[in-house]
Amino acid sequence: QVQLVNSGGGTVQAGGSLKLSCEASGRTFKYYSMGWFRQAPGKEHDFVARISWNGDSTYYADSVKGRFTISKDNTKNTVYLQMNSLKPEDTAIYYCATGGIGSSPENYEYWGQGTQVTVSS
């Protein structure tokens, strides 16, 4: 089993920045790839970014490419999502996930509790 705890959400004006964290416990974290997803009101979970188990490979949704950066610190069992140049359309609940692969949320077994990100115009 893996437990994930999200933190770092909040409210920010358009153009601002936030950094989300996801701390893992349980099974060996460092061998898992990690993903970030988001869910806006009335919508499905959308892929945001993912990172390979060793941090060598990263993938981003087109909508966040160049603005968001995913990173992983295996010494702290934590994955981060640095979000810059935020837009109102980035408003959503953000979830980290692991135990899966690819960009489909259905592929992931373990999920954090989510953290709200609100971007005001």
N, C-alpha and C. Protein backbone atom coordinates (compact mmCIF):
# COMPACT_ATOMS: atom_id res chain seq x y z
N GLN A 1 0.83 -1.19 0.00
CA GLN A 1 0.00 0.00 0.00
C GLN A 1 0.87 1.25 0.00
N VAL A 2 0.35 2.30 -0.64
CA VAL A 2 1.01 3.60 -0.67
C VAL A 2 -0.01 4.64 -0.22
N GLN A 3 0.40 5.52 0.65
CA GLN A 3 -0.45 6.63 1.06
C GLN A 3 0.16 7.92 0.52
N LEU A 4 -0.69 8.78 -0.04
CA LEU A 4 -0.25 10.04 -0.63
C LEU A 4 -0.97 11.19 0.05
N VAL A 5 -0.23 12.22 0.42
CA VAL A 5 -0.81 13.40 1.06
C VAL A 5 -0.44 14.63 0.25
N ASN A 6 -1.47 15.29 -0.32
CA ASN A 6 -1.28 16.51 -1.11
C ASN A 6 -1.24 17.73 -0.21
N SER A 7 -0.48 18.74 -0.62
CA SER A 7 -0.50 20.02 0.06
C SER A 7 -0.04 21.11 -0.91
N GLY A 8 -0.26 22.37 -0.51
CA GLY A 8 0.28 23.48 -1.28
C GLY A 8 -0.71 24.24 -2.12
N GLY A 9 -1.96 23.84 -2.13
CA GLY A 9 -2.94 24.57 -2.92
C GLY A 9 -3.27 25.91 -2.30
N GLY A 10 -4.11 26.68 -2.98
CA GLY A 10 -4.51 27.97 -2.47
C GLY A 10 -5.13 28.82 -3.56
N THR A 11 -5.27 30.10 -3.27
CA THR A 11 -5.83 31.06 -4.22
C THR A 11 -4.76 32.04 -4.64
N VAL A 12 -4.68 32.27 -5.94
CA VAL A 12 -3.65 33.15 -6.48
C VAL A 12 -4.24 33.92 -7.65
N GLN A 13 -3.71 35.09 -7.91
CA GLN A 13 -4.15 35.86 -9.07
C GLN A 13 -3.53 35.30 -10.35
N ALA A 14 -4.20 35.54 -11.45
CA ALA A 14 -3.68 35.12 -12.74
C ALA A 14 -2.26 35.67 -12.93
N GLY A 15 -1.39 34.81 -13.44
CA GLY A 15 0.01 35.16 -13.61
C GLY A 15 0.89 34.77 -12.44
N GLY A 16 0.26 34.39 -11.34
CA GLY A 16 1.01 34.00 -10.15
C GLY A 16 1.50 32.57 -10.20
N SER A 17 2.09 32.14 -9.07
CA SER A 17 2.69 30.81 -8.99
C SER A 17 2.25 30.10 -7.72
N LEU A 18 2.23 28.80 -7.80
CA LEU A 18 2.02 27.93 -6.64
C LEU A 18 2.88 26.70 -6.81
N LYS A 19 3.24 26.09 -5.68
CA LYS A 19 3.98 24.83 -5.73
C LYS A 19 3.24 23.80 -4.90
N LEU A 20 2.83 22.73 -5.54
CA LEU A 20 2.14 21.64 -4.87
C LEU A 20 3.14 20.57 -4.47
N SER A 21 2.84 19.91 -3.35
CA SER A 21 3.67 18.81 -2.88
C SER A 21 2.81 17.57 -2.67
N CYS A 22 3.42 16.43 -2.79
CA CYS A 22 2.73 15.17 -2.56
C CYS A 22 3.72 14.24 -1.86
N GLU A 23 3.49 14.00 -0.60
CA GLU A 23 4.39 13.15 0.19
C GLU A 23 3.82 11.74 0.25
N ALA A 24 4.69 10.77 -0.02
CA ALA A 24 4.27 9.39 -0.05
C ALA A 24 4.81 8.61 1.13
N SER A 25 4.08 7.63 1.56
CA SER A 25 4.54 6.70 2.59
C SER A 25 4.02 5.32 2.23
N GLY A 26 4.61 4.32 2.85
CA GLY A 26 4.19 2.96 2.57
C GLY A 26 5.24 2.22 1.77
N ARG A 27 4.81 1.62 0.66
CA ARG A 27 5.74 0.84 -0.14
C ARG A 27 6.81 1.73 -0.75
N THR A 28 7.85 1.13 -1.25
CA THR A 28 9.02 1.86 -1.71
C THR A 28 8.64 2.87 -2.78
N PHE A 29 8.70 4.14 -2.39
CA PHE A 29 8.27 5.22 -3.25
C PHE A 29 9.16 5.39 -4.46
N LYS A 30 10.45 5.20 -4.27
CA LYS A 30 11.39 5.62 -5.30
C LYS A 30 11.28 4.80 -6.57
N TYR A 31 10.62 3.68 -6.53
CA TYR A 31 10.50 2.86 -7.73
C TYR A 31 9.20 3.11 -8.49
N TYR A 32 8.42 4.10 -8.06
CA TYR A 32 7.15 4.38 -8.70
C TYR A 32 7.25 5.64 -9.55
N SER A 33 6.65 5.59 -10.73
CA SER A 33 6.40 6.84 -11.44
C SER A 33 5.23 7.55 -10.76
N MET A 34 5.16 8.86 -10.96
CA MET A 34 4.14 9.67 -10.29
C MET A 34 3.45 10.56 -11.30
N GLY A 35 2.18 10.80 -11.05
CA GLY A 35 1.43 11.68 -11.94
C GLY A 35 0.65 12.72 -11.17
N TRP A 36 0.37 13.82 -11.83
CA TRP A 36 -0.53 14.86 -11.32
C TRP A 36 -1.73 14.94 -12.26
N PHE A 37 -2.90 15.00 -11.67
CA PHE A 37 -4.14 15.15 -12.41
C PHE A 37 -4.93 16.29 -11.79
N ARG A 38 -5.90 16.80 -12.51
CA ARG A 38 -6.76 17.83 -11.94
C ARG A 38 -8.19 17.61 -12.39
N GLN A 39 -9.09 18.10 -11.55
CA GLN A 39 -10.52 17.97 -11.85
C GLN A 39 -11.20 19.30 -11.59
N ALA A 40 -11.69 19.89 -12.65
CA ALA A 40 -12.46 21.12 -12.54
C ALA A 40 -13.92 20.76 -12.26
N PRO A 41 -14.70 21.69 -11.73
CA PRO A 41 -16.10 21.39 -11.40
C PRO A 41 -16.86 20.86 -12.61
N GLY A 42 -17.52 19.75 -12.43
CA GLY A 42 -18.33 19.17 -13.48
C GLY A 42 -17.56 18.46 -14.58
N LYS A 43 -16.26 18.28 -14.39
CA LYS A 43 -15.43 17.64 -15.42
C LYS A 43 -14.76 16.39 -14.87
N GLU A 44 -14.20 15.62 -15.81
CA GLU A 44 -13.46 14.42 -15.44
C GLU A 44 -12.04 14.80 -14.98
N HIS A 45 -11.35 13.80 -14.45
CA HIS A 45 -9.94 14.00 -14.12
C HIS A 45 -9.14 14.17 -15.41
N ASP A 46 -8.35 15.23 -15.46
CA ASP A 46 -7.50 15.48 -16.62
C ASP A 46 -6.04 15.30 -16.24
N PHE A 47 -5.30 14.71 -17.16
CA PHE A 47 -3.86 14.56 -16.96
C PHE A 47 -3.17 15.92 -16.97
N VAL A 48 -2.22 16.11 -16.06
CA VAL A 48 -1.45 17.35 -16.01
C VAL A 48 0.02 17.07 -16.33
N ALA A 49 0.63 16.16 -15.57
CA ALA A 49 2.05 15.86 -15.76
C ALA A 49 2.37 14.52 -15.10
N ARG A 50 3.46 13.92 -15.55
CA ARG A 50 3.95 12.70 -14.89
C ARG A 50 5.45 12.63 -15.00
N ILE A 51 6.05 11.85 -14.11
CA ILE A 51 7.49 11.74 -14.04
C ILE A 51 7.86 10.28 -13.81
N SER A 52 8.93 9.85 -14.45
CA SER A 52 9.37 8.46 -14.30
C SER A 52 9.92 8.22 -12.90
N TRP A 53 10.10 6.95 -12.56
CA TRP A 53 10.49 6.61 -11.19
C TRP A 53 11.82 7.24 -10.80
N ASN A 54 12.73 7.39 -11.76
CA ASN A 54 14.04 7.96 -11.42
C ASN A 54 14.12 9.46 -11.76
N GLY A 55 13.02 10.02 -12.23
CA GLY A 55 13.01 11.45 -12.52
C GLY A 55 13.63 11.83 -13.86
N ASP A 56 14.05 10.85 -14.64
CA ASP A 56 14.74 11.16 -15.88
C ASP A 56 13.80 11.59 -17.00
N SER A 57 12.54 11.18 -16.91
CA SER A 57 11.59 11.50 -17.97
C SER A 57 10.38 12.20 -17.39
N THR A 58 9.96 13.26 -18.07
CA THR A 58 8.77 13.99 -17.65
C THR A 58 7.86 14.20 -18.86
N TYR A 59 6.58 14.28 -18.60
CA TYR A 59 5.57 14.44 -19.65
C TYR A 59 4.53 15.44 -19.15
N TYR A 60 4.04 16.26 -20.08
CA TYR A 60 3.10 17.31 -19.70
C TYR A 60 1.93 17.36 -20.67
N ALA A 61 0.77 17.76 -20.14
CA ALA A 61 -0.34 18.09 -21.00
C ALA A 61 0.01 19.35 -21.78
N ASP A 62 -0.49 19.45 -23.00
CA ASP A 62 -0.18 20.62 -23.83
C ASP A 62 -0.60 21.92 -23.14
N SER A 63 -1.68 21.86 -22.38
CA SER A 63 -2.22 23.06 -21.76
C SER A 63 -1.31 23.64 -20.68
N VAL A 64 -0.37 22.83 -20.15
CA VAL A 64 0.49 23.33 -19.07
C VAL A 64 1.96 23.35 -19.46
N LYS A 65 2.27 22.83 -20.64
CA LYS A 65 3.67 22.75 -21.07
C LYS A 65 4.30 24.13 -21.11
N GLY A 66 5.49 24.23 -20.52
CA GLY A 66 6.19 25.50 -20.47
C GLY A 66 5.84 26.34 -19.26
N ARG A 67 4.77 25.97 -18.55
CA ARG A 67 4.35 26.73 -17.36
C ARG A 67 4.50 25.90 -16.08
N PHE A 68 4.29 24.61 -16.18
CA PHE A 68 4.36 23.72 -15.01
C PHE A 68 5.60 22.85 -15.08
N THR A 69 6.15 22.52 -13.91
CA THR A 69 7.30 21.62 -13.84
C THR A 69 7.07 20.58 -12.76
N ILE A 70 7.20 19.31 -13.13
CA ILE A 70 7.08 18.23 -12.16
C ILE A 70 8.48 17.77 -11.78
N SER A 71 8.65 17.47 -10.49
CA SER A 71 9.94 16.98 -10.03
C SER A 71 9.72 15.99 -8.90
N LYS A 72 10.77 15.22 -8.59
CA LYS A 72 10.62 14.13 -7.62
C LYS A 72 11.87 14.08 -6.76
N ASP A 73 11.70 14.02 -5.46
CA ASP A 73 12.81 13.90 -4.53
C ASP A 73 12.65 12.59 -3.77
N ASN A 74 13.39 11.58 -4.20
CA ASN A 74 13.24 10.27 -3.57
C ASN A 74 13.77 10.24 -2.14
N THR A 75 14.64 11.17 -1.79
CA THR A 75 15.15 11.20 -0.41
C THR A 75 14.07 11.69 0.56
N LYS A 76 13.11 12.44 0.02
CA LYS A 76 12.03 12.97 0.85
C LYS A 76 10.70 12.30 0.55
N ASN A 77 10.71 11.31 -0.34
CA ASN A 77 9.48 10.61 -0.74
C ASN A 77 8.41 11.61 -1.18
N THR A 78 8.82 12.60 -1.94
CA THR A 78 7.92 13.70 -2.31
C THR A 78 8.03 14.02 -3.79
N VAL A 79 6.88 14.28 -4.41
CA VAL A 79 6.83 14.78 -5.77
C VAL A 79 6.23 16.18 -5.73
N TYR A 80 6.70 17.05 -6.60
CA TYR A 80 6.30 18.45 -6.61
C TYR A 80 5.70 18.82 -7.96
N LEU A 81 4.87 19.84 -7.94
CA LEU A 81 4.38 20.44 -9.18
C LEU A 81 4.50 21.95 -9.02
N GLN A 82 5.50 22.52 -9.67
CA GLN A 82 5.67 23.96 -9.68
C GLN A 82 4.82 24.54 -10.80
N MET A 83 3.93 25.44 -10.45
CA MET A 83 2.99 26.00 -11.42
C MET A 83 3.23 27.50 -11.53
N ASN A 84 3.65 27.94 -12.69
CA ASN A 84 3.90 29.34 -12.96
C ASN A 84 2.93 29.87 -14.01
N SER A 85 2.84 31.18 -14.09
CA SER A 85 1.97 31.83 -15.09
C SER A 85 0.57 31.23 -15.06
N LEU A 86 0.03 31.12 -13.88
CA LEU A 86 -1.27 30.47 -13.72
C LEU A 86 -2.37 31.27 -14.40
N LYS A 87 -3.36 30.51 -14.91
CA LYS A 87 -4.49 31.10 -15.61
C LYS A 87 -5.78 30.68 -14.90
N PRO A 88 -6.85 31.45 -15.07
CA PRO A 88 -8.12 31.06 -14.43
C PRO A 88 -8.55 29.64 -14.82
N GLU A 89 -8.25 29.22 -16.03
CA GLU A 89 -8.65 27.87 -16.45
C GLU A 89 -7.84 26.76 -15.77
N ASP A 90 -6.82 27.13 -14.99
CA ASP A 90 -6.09 26.14 -14.20
C ASP A 90 -6.81 25.82 -12.89
N THR A 91 -7.87 26.55 -12.60
CA THR A 91 -8.63 26.32 -11.37
C THR A 91 -9.19 24.92 -11.36
N ALA A 92 -8.88 24.16 -10.29
CA ALA A 92 -9.31 22.77 -10.19
C ALA A 92 -8.82 22.21 -8.86
N ILE A 93 -9.26 21.01 -8.56
CA ILE A 93 -8.67 20.23 -7.48
C ILE A 93 -7.55 19.40 -8.11
N TYR A 94 -6.38 19.48 -7.53
CA TYR A 94 -5.21 18.79 -8.06
C TYR A 94 -4.91 17.56 -7.20
N TYR A 95 -4.68 16.45 -7.87
CA TYR A 95 -4.41 15.17 -7.21
C TYR A 95 -3.07 14.61 -7.71
N CYS A 96 -2.29 14.06 -6.80
CA CYS A 96 -1.16 13.25 -7.23
C CYS A 96 -1.61 11.79 -7.21
N ALA A 97 -0.93 10.99 -8.01
CA ALA A 97 -1.30 9.58 -8.13
C ALA A 97 -0.07 8.75 -8.45
N THR A 98 -0.12 7.49 -8.08
CA THR A 98 0.97 6.58 -8.38
C THR A 98 0.44 5.16 -8.49
N GLY A 99 1.36 4.24 -8.75
CA GLY A 99 0.92 2.86 -8.94
C GLY A 99 0.36 2.62 -10.31
N GLY A 100 0.78 3.43 -11.28
CA GLY A 100 0.28 3.28 -12.63
C GLY A 100 1.26 3.84 -13.62
N ILE A 101 0.81 3.94 -14.85
CA ILE A 101 1.66 4.44 -15.91
C ILE A 101 0.80 5.11 -16.97
N GLY A 102 1.40 6.06 -17.67
CA GLY A 102 0.67 6.70 -18.75
C GLY A 102 -0.10 7.91 -18.27
N SER A 103 -1.01 8.37 -19.13
CA SER A 103 -1.74 9.61 -18.87
C SER A 103 -3.21 9.42 -18.55
N SER A 104 -3.66 8.19 -18.46
CA SER A 104 -5.06 7.95 -18.13
C SER A 104 -5.23 7.74 -16.64
N PRO A 105 -6.12 8.49 -16.00
CA PRO A 105 -6.29 8.32 -14.56
C PRO A 105 -6.71 6.91 -14.17
N GLU A 106 -7.38 6.21 -15.06
CA GLU A 106 -7.83 4.85 -14.75
C GLU A 106 -6.65 3.90 -14.52
N ASN A 107 -5.48 4.29 -15.00
CA ASN A 107 -4.30 3.43 -14.86
C ASN A 107 -3.69 3.48 -13.47
N TYR A 108 -4.08 4.45 -12.65
CA TYR A 108 -3.39 4.69 -11.39
C TYR A 108 -4.16 4.12 -10.21
N GLU A 109 -3.43 3.47 -9.33
CA GLU A 109 -4.06 2.76 -8.21
C GLU A 109 -4.18 3.60 -6.94
N TYR A 110 -3.19 4.44 -6.68
CA TYR A 110 -3.16 5.19 -5.42
C TYR A 110 -3.29 6.68 -5.70
N TRP A 111 -4.10 7.36 -4.86
CA TRP A 111 -4.40 8.77 -5.08
C TRP A 111 -4.27 9.56 -3.78
N GLY A 112 -3.80 10.79 -3.90
CA GLY A 112 -3.85 11.70 -2.79
C GLY A 112 -5.26 12.22 -2.60
N GLN A 113 -5.44 13.01 -1.53
CA GLN A 113 -6.78 13.50 -1.20
C GLN A 113 -7.18 14.72 -2.01
N GLY A 114 -6.22 15.29 -2.73
CA GLY A 114 -6.51 16.46 -3.55
C GLY A 114 -6.29 17.76 -2.81
N THR A 115 -5.93 18.78 -3.57
CA THR A 115 -5.76 20.12 -3.00
C THR A 115 -6.32 21.14 -3.99
N GLN A 116 -7.07 22.10 -3.47
CA GLN A 116 -7.75 23.07 -4.33
C GLN A 116 -6.79 24.17 -4.78
N VAL A 117 -6.82 24.44 -6.07
CA VAL A 117 -6.10 25.56 -6.66
C VAL A 117 -7.14 26.47 -7.32
N THR A 118 -7.15 27.72 -6.91
CA THR A 118 -8.08 28.70 -7.48
C THR A 118 -7.29 29.87 -8.02
N VAL A 119 -7.50 30.18 -9.30
CA VAL A 119 -6.80 31.29 -9.95
C VAL A 119 -7.84 32.34 -10.32
N SER A 120 -7.69 33.51 -9.74
CA SER A 120 -8.64 34.59 -10.00
C SER A 120 -8.13 35.48 -11.13
N SER A 121 -9.07 36.01 -11.88
CA SER A 121 -8.69 36.87 -13.02
C SER A 121 -8.55 38.32 -12.62
